[in-house]
Amino acid sequence: SLNDKNQLPFFHMRWGADYLDPENFLSTLLASYGAENHVQY
């Protein structure tokens, strides 16, 4: 819940792919439009 609200400033997180494509790692995790960009890059 805190991670989804971007309220963890320094944290350990693992990511398991939903599908085996770079989009699910680079775009999803780190693009401004990525749904899981919780580091707010």
PDB file of all heavy atoms in Angstrom:
ATOM      1  N   SER A   1       0.829  -1.209   0.000  1.00  0.00           N
ATOM      2  CA  SER A   1       0.000   0.000   0.000  1.00  0.00           C
ATOM      3  C   SER A   1       0.864   1.260   0.000  1.00  0.00           C
ATOM      4  O   SER A   1       0.614   2.198  -0.765  1.00  0.00           O
ATOM      5  CB  SER A   1      -0.923  -0.003   1.221  1.00  0.00           C
ATOM      6  OG  SER A   1      -1.655   1.190   1.305  1.00  0.00           O
ATOM      7  N   LEU A   2       1.888   1.275   0.850  1.00  0.00           N
ATOM      8  CA  LEU A   2       2.779   2.437   0.904  1.00  0.00           C
ATOM      9  C   LEU A   2       3.564   2.590  -0.393  1.00  0.00           C
ATOM     10  O   LEU A   2       3.777   3.699  -0.882  1.00  0.00           O
ATOM     11  CB  LEU A   2       3.737   2.315   2.085  1.00  0.00           C
ATOM     12  CG  LEU A   2       3.107   2.444   3.472  1.00  0.00           C
ATOM     13  CD1 LEU A   2       4.127   2.095   4.552  1.00  0.00           C
ATOM     14  CD2 LEU A   2       2.567   3.861   3.692  1.00  0.00           C
ATOM     15  N   ASN A   3       3.987   1.464  -0.960  1.00  0.00           N
ATOM     16  CA  ASN A   3       4.741   1.516  -2.214  1.00  0.00           C
ATOM     17  C   ASN A   3       3.864   2.030  -3.351  1.00  0.00           C
ATOM     18  O   ASN A   3       4.305   2.842  -4.173  1.00  0.00           O
ATOM     19  CB  ASN A   3       5.294   0.131  -2.545  1.00  0.00           C
ATOM     20  CG  ASN A   3       6.249   0.157  -3.720  1.00  0.00           C
ATOM     21  OD1 ASN A   3       7.266   0.832  -3.701  1.00  0.00           O
ATOM     22  ND2 ASN A   3       5.920  -0.586  -4.765  1.00  0.00           N
ATOM     23  N   ASP A   4       2.621   1.582  -3.393  1.00  0.00           N
ATOM     24  CA  ASP A   4       1.695   2.031  -4.436  1.00  0.00           C
ATOM     25  C   ASP A   4       1.445   3.534  -4.350  1.00  0.00           C
ATOM     26  O   ASP A   4       1.146   4.184  -5.355  1.00  0.00           O
ATOM     27  CB  ASP A   4       0.366   1.282  -4.333  1.00  0.00           C
ATOM     28  CG  ASP A   4       0.472  -0.163  -4.810  1.00  0.00           C
ATOM     29  OD1 ASP A   4       1.458  -0.505  -5.498  1.00  0.00           O
ATOM     30  OD2 ASP A   4      -0.429  -0.966  -4.488  1.00  0.00           O
ATOM     31  N   LYS A   5       1.569   4.078  -3.135  1.00  0.00           N
ATOM     32  CA  LYS A   5       1.381   5.525  -2.939  1.00  0.00           C
ATOM     33  C   LYS A   5       2.697   6.290  -3.027  1.00  0.00           C
ATOM     34  O   LYS A   5       2.744   7.491  -2.731  1.00  0.00           O
ATOM     35  CB  LYS A   5       0.729   5.776  -1.573  1.00  0.00           C
ATOM     36  CG  LYS A   5      -0.662   5.181  -1.439  1.00  0.00           C
ATOM     37  CD  LYS A   5      -1.148   5.298   0.001  1.00  0.00           C
ATOM     38  CE  LYS A   5      -2.477   4.592   0.192  1.00  0.00           C
ATOM     39  NZ  LYS A   5      -2.888   4.554   1.623  1.00  0.00           N
ATOM     40  N   ASN A   6       3.777   5.587  -3.398  1.00  0.00           N
ATOM     41  CA  ASN A   6       5.117   6.203  -3.503  1.00  0.00           C
ATOM     42  C   ASN A   6       5.562   6.830  -2.185  1.00  0.00           C
ATOM     43  O   ASN A   6       6.142   7.911  -2.160  1.00  0.00           O
ATOM     44  CB  ASN A   6       5.148   7.250  -4.628  1.00  0.00           C
ATOM     45  CG  ASN A   6       4.767   6.669  -5.972  1.00  0.00           C
ATOM     46  OD1 ASN A   6       5.044   5.512  -6.258  1.00  0.00           O
ATOM     47  ND2 ASN A   6       4.118   7.471  -6.801  1.00  0.00           N
ATOM     48  N   GLN A   7       5.306   6.119  -1.095  1.00  0.00           N
ATOM     49  CA  GLN A   7       5.649   6.654   0.228  1.00  0.00           C
ATOM     50  C   GLN A   7       6.811   5.913   0.889  1.00  0.00           C
ATOM     51  O   GLN A   7       7.035   6.061   2.088  1.00  0.00           O
ATOM     52  CB  GLN A   7       4.407   6.603   1.137  1.00  0.00           C
ATOM     53  CG  GLN A   7       3.302   7.539   0.681  1.00  0.00           C
ATOM     54  CD  GLN A   7       2.071   7.485   1.562  1.00  0.00           C
ATOM     55  OE1 GLN A   7       1.954   6.640   2.455  1.00  0.00           O
ATOM     56  NE2 GLN A   7       1.130   8.381   1.318  1.00  0.00           N
ATOM     57  N   LEU A   8       7.553   5.131   0.115  1.00  0.00           N
ATOM     58  CA  LEU A   8       8.746   4.457   0.637  1.00  0.00           C
ATOM     59  C   LEU A   8       9.971   5.085  -0.026  1.00  0.00           C
ATOM     60  O   LEU A   8      10.252   4.818  -1.199  1.00  0.00           O
ATOM     61  CB  LEU A   8       8.688   2.949   0.346  1.00  0.00           C
ATOM     62  CG  LEU A   8       7.537   2.181   0.966  1.00  0.00           C
ATOM     63  CD1 LEU A   8       7.585   0.717   0.538  1.00  0.00           C
ATOM     64  CD2 LEU A   8       7.557   2.281   2.488  1.00  0.00           C
ATOM     65  N   PRO A   9      10.710   5.915   0.687  1.00  0.00           N
ATOM     66  CA  PRO A   9      11.827   6.626   0.065  1.00  0.00           C
ATOM     67  C   PRO A   9      13.033   5.754  -0.254  1.00  0.00           C
ATOM     68  O   PRO A   9      13.783   6.045  -1.180  1.00  0.00           O
ATOM     69  CB  PRO A   9      12.184   7.705   1.100  1.00  0.00           C
ATOM     70  CG  PRO A   9      11.683   7.172   2.396  1.00  0.00           C
ATOM     71  CD  PRO A   9      10.477   6.353   2.078  1.00  0.00           C
ATOM     72  N   PHE A  10      13.246   4.675   0.511  1.00  0.00           N
ATOM     73  CA  PHE A  10      14.411   3.808   0.320  1.00  0.00           C
ATOM     74  C   PHE A  10      13.965   2.395   0.660  1.00  0.00           C
ATOM     75  O   PHE A  10      13.649   2.100   1.807  1.00  0.00           O
ATOM     76  CB  PHE A  10      15.548   4.280   1.236  1.00  0.00           C
ATOM     77  CG  PHE A  10      16.829   3.499   1.109  1.00  0.00           C
ATOM     78  CD1 PHE A  10      17.344   3.147  -0.130  1.00  0.00           C
ATOM     79  CD2 PHE A  10      17.532   3.129   2.247  1.00  0.00           C
ATOM     80  CE1 PHE A  10      18.529   2.439  -0.240  1.00  0.00           C
ATOM     81  CE2 PHE A  10      18.724   2.420   2.152  1.00  0.00           C
ATOM     82  CZ  PHE A  10      19.224   2.077   0.903  1.00  0.00           C
ATOM     83  N   PHE A  11      13.925   1.511  -0.347  1.00  0.00           N
ATOM     84  CA  PHE A  11      13.276   0.224  -0.115  1.00  0.00           C
ATOM     85  C   PHE A  11      13.862  -0.865  -1.008  1.00  0.00           C
ATOM     86  O   PHE A  11      14.486  -0.591  -2.033  1.00  0.00           O
ATOM     87  CB  PHE A  11      11.773   0.347  -0.362  1.00  0.00           C
ATOM     88  CG  PHE A  11      11.392   0.781  -1.763  1.00  0.00           C
ATOM     89  CD1 PHE A  11      11.059  -0.161  -2.723  1.00  0.00           C
ATOM     90  CD2 PHE A  11      11.357   2.125  -2.098  1.00  0.00           C
ATOM     91  CE1 PHE A  11      10.696   0.235  -4.003  1.00  0.00           C
ATOM     92  CE2 PHE A  11      11.000   2.535  -3.379  1.00  0.00           C
ATOM     93  CZ  PHE A  11      10.669   1.577  -4.336  1.00  0.00           C
ATOM     94  N   HIS A  12      13.635  -2.095  -0.575  1.00  0.00           N
ATOM     95  CA  HIS A  12      13.979  -3.278  -1.364  1.00  0.00           C
ATOM     96  C   HIS A  12      12.700  -3.781  -2.019  1.00  0.00           C
ATOM     97  O   HIS A  12      11.678  -3.931  -1.362  1.00  0.00           O
ATOM     98  CB  HIS A  12      14.557  -4.362  -0.452  1.00  0.00           C
ATOM     99  CG  HIS A  12      14.826  -5.660  -1.173  1.00  0.00           C
ATOM    100  ND1 HIS A  12      13.818  -6.512  -1.584  1.00  0.00           N
ATOM    101  CD2 HIS A  12      15.985  -6.247  -1.547  1.00  0.00           C
ATOM    102  CE1 HIS A  12      14.349  -7.566  -2.183  1.00  0.00           C
ATOM    103  NE2 HIS A  12      15.656  -7.436  -2.170  1.00  0.00           N
ATOM    104  N   MET A  13      12.784  -4.032  -3.319  1.00  0.00           N
ATOM    105  CA  MET A  13      11.618  -4.564  -4.031  1.00  0.00           C
ATOM    106  C   MET A  13      12.087  -5.542  -5.097  1.00  0.00           C
ATOM    107  O   MET A  13      13.103  -5.313  -5.744  1.00  0.00           O
ATOM    108  CB  MET A  13      10.812  -3.427  -4.677  1.00  0.00           C
ATOM    109  CG  MET A  13       9.640  -3.910  -5.523  1.00  0.00           C
ATOM    110  SD  MET A  13       8.382  -4.819  -4.589  1.00  0.00           S
ATOM    111  CE  MET A  13       7.358  -3.472  -4.012  1.00  0.00           C
ATOM    112  N   ARG A  14      11.348  -6.627  -5.247  1.00  0.00           N
ATOM    113  CA  ARG A  14      11.608  -7.568  -6.331  1.00  0.00           C
ATOM    114  C   ARG A  14      10.527  -7.418  -7.400  1.00  0.00           C
ATOM    115  O   ARG A  14       9.415  -6.995  -7.108  1.00  0.00           O
ATOM    116  CB  ARG A  14      11.620  -9.008  -5.809  1.00  0.00           C
ATOM    117  CG  ARG A  14      12.744  -9.261  -4.851  1.00  0.00           C
ATOM    118  CD  ARG A  14      12.947 -10.728  -4.543  1.00  0.00           C
ATOM    119  NE  ARG A  14      11.826 -11.335  -3.847  1.00  0.00           N
ATOM    120  CZ  ARG A  14      11.942 -12.420  -3.093  1.00  0.00           C
ATOM    121  NH1 ARG A  14      13.106 -13.008  -2.943  1.00  0.00           N
ATOM    122  NH2 ARG A  14      10.893 -12.935  -2.483  1.00  0.00           N
ATOM    123  N   TRP A  15      10.889  -7.757  -8.627  1.00  0.00           N
ATOM    124  CA  TRP A  15       9.924  -7.659  -9.712  1.00  0.00           C
ATOM    125  C   TRP A  15       9.914  -8.971 -10.479  1.00  0.00           C
ATOM    126  O   TRP A  15      10.955  -9.461 -10.911  1.00  0.00           O
ATOM    127  CB  TRP A  15      10.295  -6.514 -10.651  1.00  0.00           C
ATOM    128  CG  TRP A  15       9.397  -6.380 -11.839  1.00  0.00           C
ATOM    129  CD1 TRP A  15       9.702  -6.655 -13.148  1.00  0.00           C
ATOM    130  CD2 TRP A  15       8.042  -5.925 -11.845  1.00  0.00           C
ATOM    131  NE1 TRP A  15       8.627  -6.409 -13.957  1.00  0.00           N
ATOM    132  CE2 TRP A  15       7.585  -5.964 -13.184  1.00  0.00           C
ATOM    133  CE3 TRP A  15       7.170  -5.511 -10.838  1.00  0.00           C
ATOM    134  CZ2 TRP A  15       6.300  -5.589 -13.543  1.00  0.00           C
ATOM    135  CZ3 TRP A  15       5.878  -5.133 -11.198  1.00  0.00           C
ATOM    136  CH2 TRP A  15       5.453  -5.173 -12.532  1.00  0.00           C
ATOM    137  N   GLY A  16       8.736  -9.542 -10.647  1.00  0.00           N
ATOM    138  CA  GLY A  16       8.559 -10.728 -11.471  1.00  0.00           C
ATOM    139  C   GLY A  16       7.791 -10.351 -12.720  1.00  0.00           C
ATOM    140  O   GLY A  16       6.737  -9.705 -12.645  1.00  0.00           O
ATOM    141  N   ALA A  17       8.314 -10.735 -13.857  1.00  0.00           N
ATOM    142  CA  ALA A  17       7.720 -10.314 -15.128  1.00  0.00           C
ATOM    143  C   ALA A  17       6.311 -10.851 -15.310  1.00  0.00           C
ATOM    144  O   ALA A  17       6.017 -11.997 -14.959  1.00  0.00           O
ATOM    145  CB  ALA A  17       8.598 -10.783 -16.289  1.00  0.00           C
ATOM    146  N   ASP A  18       5.442 -10.032 -15.868  1.00  0.00           N
ATOM    147  CA  ASP A  18       4.118 -10.472 -16.288  1.00  0.00           C
ATOM    148  C   ASP A  18       4.198 -11.106 -17.672  1.00  0.00           C
ATOM    149  O   ASP A  18       3.415 -11.979 -18.017  1.00  0.00           O
ATOM    150  CB  ASP A  18       3.143  -9.298 -16.318  1.00  0.00           C
ATOM    151  CG  ASP A  18       2.991  -8.655 -14.946  1.00  0.00           C
ATOM    152  OD1 ASP A  18       2.553  -9.356 -14.022  1.00  0.00           O
ATOM    153  OD2 ASP A  18       3.326  -7.475 -14.805  1.00  0.00           O
ATOM    154  N   TYR A  19       5.141 -10.620 -18.478  1.00  0.00           N
ATOM    155  CA  TYR A  19       5.391 -11.175 -19.810  1.00  0.00           C
ATOM    156  C   TYR A  19       6.855 -10.884 -20.140  1.00  0.00           C
ATOM    157  O   TYR A  19       7.441  -9.915 -19.656  1.00  0.00           O
ATOM    158  CB  TYR A  19       4.446 -10.589 -20.872  1.00  0.00           C
ATOM    159  CG  TYR A  19       4.307  -9.088 -20.822  1.00  0.00           C
ATOM    160  CD1 TYR A  19       5.095  -8.260 -21.615  1.00  0.00           C
ATOM    161  CD2 TYR A  19       3.376  -8.491 -19.967  1.00  0.00           C
ATOM    162  CE1 TYR A  19       4.970  -6.881 -21.565  1.00  0.00           C
ATOM    163  CE2 TYR A  19       3.241  -7.116 -19.903  1.00  0.00           C
ATOM    164  CZ  TYR A  19       4.037  -6.313 -20.712  1.00  0.00           C
ATOM    165  OH  TYR A  19       3.919  -4.945 -20.654  1.00  0.00           O
ATOM    166  N   LEU A  20       7.450 -11.746 -20.953  1.00  0.00           N
ATOM    167  CA  LEU A  20       8.898 -11.700 -21.171  1.00  0.00           C
ATOM    168  C   LEU A  20       9.260 -10.746 -22.303  1.00  0.00           C
ATOM    169  O   LEU A  20       9.603 -11.157 -23.419  1.00  0.00           O
ATOM    170  CB  LEU A  20       9.420 -13.113 -21.458  1.00  0.00           C
ATOM    171  CG  LEU A  20       9.204 -14.114 -20.322  1.00  0.00           C
ATOM    172  CD1 LEU A  20       9.667 -15.494 -20.735  1.00  0.00           C
ATOM    173  CD2 LEU A  20       9.923 -13.659 -19.061  1.00  0.00           C
ATOM    174  N   ASP A  21       9.181  -9.471 -21.982  1.00  0.00           N
ATOM    175  CA  ASP A  21       9.495  -8.439 -22.966  1.00  0.00           C
ATOM    176  C   ASP A  21      10.119  -7.254 -22.237  1.00  0.00           C
ATOM    177  O   ASP A  21       9.754  -6.978 -21.084  1.00  0.00           O
ATOM    178  CB  ASP A  21       8.217  -7.994 -23.689  1.00  0.00           C
ATOM    179  CG  ASP A  21       8.515  -7.096 -24.875  1.00  0.00           C
ATOM    180  OD1 ASP A  21       8.741  -7.630 -25.974  1.00  0.00           O
ATOM    181  OD2 ASP A  21       8.538  -5.855 -24.699  1.00  0.00           O
ATOM    182  N   PRO A  22      11.053  -6.540 -22.873  1.00  0.00           N
ATOM    183  CA  PRO A  22      11.674  -5.385 -22.219  1.00  0.00           C
ATOM    184  C   PRO A  22      10.680  -4.343 -21.738  1.00  0.00           C
ATOM    185  O   PRO A  22      10.924  -3.654 -20.745  1.00  0.00           O
ATOM    186  CB  PRO A  22      12.578  -4.801 -23.314  1.00  0.00           C
ATOM    187  CG  PRO A  22      12.857  -5.928 -24.235  1.00  0.00           C
ATOM    188  CD  PRO A  22      11.631  -6.791 -24.213  1.00  0.00           C
ATOM    189  N   GLU A  23       9.548  -4.241 -22.429  1.00  0.00           N
ATOM    190  CA  GLU A  23       8.535  -3.263 -22.010  1.00  0.00           C
ATOM    191  C   GLU A  23       8.119  -3.487 -20.564  1.00  0.00           C
ATOM    192  O   GLU A  23       7.901  -2.536 -19.812  1.00  0.00           O
ATOM    193  CB  GLU A  23       7.311  -3.350 -22.922  1.00  0.00           C
ATOM    194  CG  GLU A  23       6.220  -2.349 -22.544  1.00  0.00           C
ATOM    195  CD  GLU A  23       4.908  -2.609 -23.236  1.00  0.00           C
ATOM    196  OE1 GLU A  23       4.684  -3.745 -23.704  1.00  0.00           O
ATOM    197  OE2 GLU A  23       4.088  -1.679 -23.284  1.00  0.00           O
ATOM    198  N   ASN A  24       8.028  -4.762 -20.147  1.00  0.00           N
ATOM    199  CA  ASN A  24       7.543  -5.078 -18.810  1.00  0.00           C
ATOM    200  C   ASN A  24       8.563  -4.753 -17.725  1.00  0.00           C
ATOM    201  O   ASN A  24       8.240  -4.769 -16.542  1.00  0.00           O
ATOM    202  CB  ASN A  24       7.127  -6.544 -18.733  1.00  0.00           C
ATOM    203  CG  ASN A  24       6.263  -6.855 -17.525  1.00  0.00           C
ATOM    204  OD1 ASN A  24       6.509  -7.810 -16.813  1.00  0.00           O
ATOM    205  ND2 ASN A  24       5.253  -6.036 -17.273  1.00  0.00           N
ATOM    206  N   PHE A  25       9.771  -4.453 -18.118  1.00  0.00           N
ATOM    207  CA  PHE A  25      10.803  -4.049 -17.167  1.00  0.00           C
ATOM    208  C   PHE A  25      11.115  -2.560 -17.304  1.00  0.00           C
ATOM    209  O   PHE A  25      10.981  -1.805 -16.340  1.00  0.00           O
ATOM    210  CB  PHE A  25      12.084  -4.876 -17.392  1.00  0.00           C
ATOM    211  CG  PHE A  25      11.924  -6.322 -17.043  1.00  0.00           C
ATOM    212  CD1 PHE A  25      11.435  -7.216 -17.972  1.00  0.00           C
ATOM    213  CD2 PHE A  25      12.238  -6.781 -15.775  1.00  0.00           C
ATOM    214  CE1 PHE A  25      11.275  -8.558 -17.653  1.00  0.00           C
ATOM    215  CE2 PHE A  25      12.090  -8.117 -15.439  1.00  0.00           C
ATOM    216  CZ  PHE A  25      11.603  -9.001 -16.380  1.00  0.00           C
ATOM    217  N   LEU A  26      11.507  -2.132 -18.487  1.00  0.00           N
ATOM    218  CA  LEU A  26      11.945  -0.744 -18.666  1.00  0.00           C
ATOM    219  C   LEU A  26      10.776   0.233 -18.660  1.00  0.00           C
ATOM    220  O   LEU A  26      10.754   1.181 -17.874  1.00  0.00           O
ATOM    221  CB  LEU A  26      12.753  -0.634 -19.962  1.00  0.00           C
ATOM    222  CG  LEU A  26      14.050  -1.440 -19.960  1.00  0.00           C
ATOM    223  CD1 LEU A  26      14.657  -1.513 -21.361  1.00  0.00           C
ATOM    224  CD2 LEU A  26      15.054  -0.844 -18.983  1.00  0.00           C
ATOM    225  N   SER A  27       9.798  -0.002 -19.518  1.00  0.00           N
ATOM    226  CA  SER A  27       8.677   0.943 -19.608  1.00  0.00           C
ATOM    227  C   SER A  27       7.783   0.884 -18.372  1.00  0.00           C
ATOM    228  O   SER A  27       7.423   1.916 -17.800  1.00  0.00           O
ATOM    229  CB  SER A  27       7.846   0.650 -20.860  1.00  0.00           C
ATOM    230  OG  SER A  27       8.657   0.656 -22.008  1.00  0.00           O
ATOM    231  N   THR A  28       7.441  -0.319 -17.950  1.00  0.00           N
ATOM    232  CA  THR A  28       6.526  -0.476 -16.811  1.00  0.00           C
ATOM    233  C   THR A  28       7.132   0.043 -15.516  1.00  0.00           C
ATOM    234  O   THR A  28       6.451   0.701 -14.722  1.00  0.00           O
ATOM    235  CB  THR A  28       6.138  -1.955 -16.650  1.00  0.00           C
ATOM    236  OG1 THR A  28       5.456  -2.388 -17.830  1.00  0.00           O
ATOM    237  CG2 THR A  28       5.232  -2.158 -15.446  1.00  0.00           C
ATOM    238  N   LEU A  29       8.416  -0.237 -15.289  1.00  0.00           N
ATOM    239  CA  LEU A  29       9.045   0.114 -14.015  1.00  0.00           C
ATOM    240  C   LEU A  29       9.632   1.514 -13.978  1.00  0.00           C
ATOM    241  O   LEU A  29       9.758   2.100 -12.901  1.00  0.00           O
ATOM    242  CB  LEU A  29      10.159  -0.886 -13.683  1.00  0.00           C
ATOM    243  CG  LEU A  29       9.753  -2.325 -13.387  1.00  0.00           C
ATOM    244  CD1 LEU A  29      11.000  -3.164 -13.136  1.00  0.00           C
ATOM    245  CD2 LEU A  29       8.827  -2.384 -12.187  1.00  0.00           C
ATOM    246  N   LEU A  30      10.007   2.061 -15.156  1.00  0.00           N
ATOM    247  CA  LEU A  30      10.838   3.265 -15.104  1.00  0.00           C
ATOM    248  C   LEU A  30      10.413   4.409 -16.019  1.00  0.00           C
ATOM    249  O   LEU A  30      10.900   5.532 -15.849  1.00  0.00           O
ATOM    250  CB  LEU A  30      12.296   2.888 -15.412  1.00  0.00           C
ATOM    251  CG  LEU A  30      12.964   2.056 -14.315  1.00  0.00           C
ATOM    252  CD1 LEU A  30      14.180   1.322 -14.848  1.00  0.00           C
ATOM    253  CD2 LEU A  30      13.340   2.946 -13.145  1.00  0.00           C
ATOM    254  N   ALA A  31       9.540   4.163 -16.972  1.00  0.00           N
ATOM    255  CA  ALA A  31       9.055   5.275 -17.788  1.00  0.00           C
ATOM    256  C   ALA A  31       8.092   6.133 -16.963  1.00  0.00           C
ATOM    257  O   ALA A  31       7.428   5.636 -16.048  1.00  0.00           O
ATOM    258  CB  ALA A  31       8.353   4.755 -19.038  1.00  0.00           C
ATOM    259  N   SER A  32       8.012   7.413 -17.295  1.00  0.00           N
ATOM    260  CA  SER A  32       7.101   8.300 -16.564  1.00  0.00           C
ATOM    261  C   SER A  32       5.665   7.800 -16.642  1.00  0.00           C
ATOM    262  O   SER A  32       4.878   8.013 -15.721  1.00  0.00           O
ATOM    263  CB  SER A  32       7.183   9.722 -17.136  1.00  0.00           C
ATOM    264  OG  SER A  32       8.472  10.251 -16.964  1.00  0.00           O
ATOM    265  N   TYR A  33       5.336   7.133 -17.747  1.00  0.00           N
ATOM    266  CA  TYR A  33       3.979   6.617 -17.927  1.00  0.00           C
ATOM    267  C   TYR A  33       3.829   5.190 -17.395  1.00  0.00           C
ATOM    268  O   TYR A  33       2.750   4.601 -17.496  1.00  0.00           O
ATOM    269  CB  TYR A  33       3.591   6.670 -19.413  1.00  0.00           C
ATOM    270  CG  TYR A  33       4.535   5.927 -20.334  1.00  0.00           C
ATOM    271  CD1 TYR A  33       4.403   4.565 -20.565  1.00  0.00           C
ATOM    272  CD2 TYR A  33       5.567   6.608 -20.979  1.00  0.00           C
ATOM    273  CE1 TYR A  33       5.265   3.878 -21.405  1.00  0.00           C
ATOM    274  CE2 TYR A  33       6.438   5.932 -21.824  1.00  0.00           C
ATOM    275  CZ  TYR A  33       6.284   4.572 -22.041  1.00  0.00           C
ATOM    276  OH  TYR A  33       7.155   3.903 -22.874  1.00  0.00           O
ATOM    277  N   GLY A  34       4.888   4.632 -16.831  1.00  0.00           N
ATOM    278  CA  GLY A  34       4.848   3.258 -16.349  1.00  0.00           C
ATOM    279  C   GLY A  34       4.011   3.099 -15.088  1.00  0.00           C
ATOM    280  O   GLY A  34       4.150   3.876 -14.133  1.00  0.00           O
ATOM    281  N   ALA A  35       3.178   2.084 -15.078  1.00  0.00           N
ATOM    282  CA  ALA A  35       2.261   1.873 -13.948  1.00  0.00           C
ATOM    283  C   ALA A  35       2.976   1.525 -12.660  1.00  0.00           C
ATOM    284  O   ALA A  35       2.436   1.724 -11.575  1.00  0.00           O
ATOM    285  CB  ALA A  35       1.264   0.769 -14.300  1.00  0.00           C
ATOM    286  N   GLU A  36       4.206   0.997 -12.746  1.00  0.00           N
ATOM    287  CA  GLU A  36       4.936   0.578 -11.544  1.00  0.00           C
ATOM    288  C   GLU A  36       6.170   1.448 -11.283  1.00  0.00           C
ATOM    289  O   GLU A  36       7.097   1.011 -10.603  1.00  0.00           O
ATOM    290  CB  GLU A  36       5.348  -0.892 -11.671  1.00  0.00           C
ATOM    291  CG  GLU A  36       4.192  -1.861 -11.770  1.00  0.00           C
ATOM    292  CD  GLU A  36       3.373  -1.930 -10.488  1.00  0.00           C
ATOM    293  OE1 GLU A  36       3.938  -1.693  -9.398  1.00  0.00           O
ATOM    294  OE2 GLU A  36       2.162  -2.223 -10.577  1.00  0.00           O
ATOM    295  N   ASN A  37       6.176   2.655 -11.786  1.00  0.00           N
ATOM    296  CA  ASN A  37       7.318   3.560 -11.582  1.00  0.00           C
ATOM    297  C   ASN A  37       7.224   4.216 -10.206  1.00  0.00           C
ATOM    298  O   ASN A  37       6.954   5.402 -10.062  1.00  0.00           O
ATOM    299  CB  ASN A  37       7.359   4.622 -12.690  1.00  0.00           C
ATOM    300  CG  ASN A  37       8.549   5.562 -12.564  1.00  0.00           C
ATOM    301  OD1 ASN A  37       9.417   5.388 -11.706  1.00  0.00           O
ATOM    302  ND2 ASN A  37       8.588   6.579 -13.409  1.00  0.00           N
ATOM    303  N   HIS A  38       7.480   3.426  -9.163  1.00  0.00           N
ATOM    304  CA  HIS A  38       7.346   3.920  -7.792  1.00  0.00           C
ATOM    305  C   HIS A  38       8.607   4.612  -7.281  1.00  0.00           C
ATOM    306  O   HIS A  38       8.608   5.122  -6.162  1.00  0.00           O
ATOM    307  CB  HIS A  38       6.934   2.784  -6.862  1.00  0.00           C
ATOM    308  CG  HIS A  38       5.597   2.211  -7.215  1.00  0.00           C
ATOM    309  ND1 HIS A  38       4.454   2.967  -7.228  1.00  0.00           N
ATOM    310  CD2 HIS A  38       5.232   0.957  -7.604  1.00  0.00           C
ATOM    311  CE1 HIS A  38       3.429   2.213  -7.599  1.00  0.00           C
ATOM    312  NE2 HIS A  38       3.879   0.993  -7.835  1.00  0.00           N
ATOM    313  N   VAL A  39       9.674   4.617  -8.086  1.00  0.00           N
ATOM    314  CA  VAL A  39      10.845   5.435  -7.730  1.00  0.00           C
ATOM    315  C   VAL A  39      10.699   6.833  -8.310  1.00  0.00           C
ATOM    316  O   VAL A  39      11.536   7.700  -8.088  1.00  0.00           O
ATOM    317  CB  VAL A  39      12.166   4.784  -8.206  1.00  0.00           C
ATOM    318  CG1 VAL A  39      12.435   3.496  -7.444  1.00  0.00           C
ATOM    319  CG2 VAL A  39      12.154   4.537  -9.709  1.00  0.00           C
ATOM    320  N   GLN A  40       9.609   7.046  -9.071  1.00  0.00           N
ATOM    321  CA  GLN A  40       9.257   8.348  -9.644  1.00  0.00           C
ATOM    322  C   GLN A  40      10.374   8.907 -10.521  1.00  0.00           C
ATOM    323  O   GLN A  40      10.678  10.105 -10.506  1.00  0.00           O
ATOM    324  CB  GLN A  40       8.863   9.329  -8.531  1.00  0.00           C
ATOM    325  CG  GLN A  40       7.689   8.819  -7.701  1.00  0.00           C
ATOM    326  CD  GLN A  40       7.292   9.774  -6.594  1.00  0.00           C
ATOM    327  OE1 GLN A  40       6.714  10.818  -6.868  1.00  0.00           O
ATOM    328  NE2 GLN A  40       7.599   9.417  -5.355  1.00  0.00           N
ATOM    329  N   TYR A  41      10.982   8.011 -11.291  1.00  0.00           N
ATOM    330  CA  TYR A  41      12.005   8.408 -12.258  1.00  0.00           C
ATOM    331  C   TYR A  41      11.350   9.138 -13.415  1.00  0.00           C
ATOM    332  O   TYR A  41      10.300   8.720 -13.907  1.00  0.00           O
ATOM    333  CB  TYR A  41      12.735   7.159 -12.749  1.00  0.00           C
ATOM    334  CG  TYR A  41      13.751   7.389 -13.842  1.00  0.00           C
ATOM    335  CD1 TYR A  41      14.890   8.155 -13.612  1.00  0.00           C
ATOM    336  CD2 TYR A  41      13.578   6.816 -15.096  1.00  0.00           C
ATOM    337  CE1 TYR A  41      15.842   8.339 -14.605  1.00  0.00           C
ATOM    338  CE2 TYR A  41      14.525   6.987 -16.091  1.00  0.00           C
ATOM    339  CZ  TYR A  41      15.651   7.753 -15.840  1.00  0.00           C
ATOM    340  OH  TYR A  41      16.584   7.934 -16.836  1.00  0.00           O
TER     341      TYR A  41
END
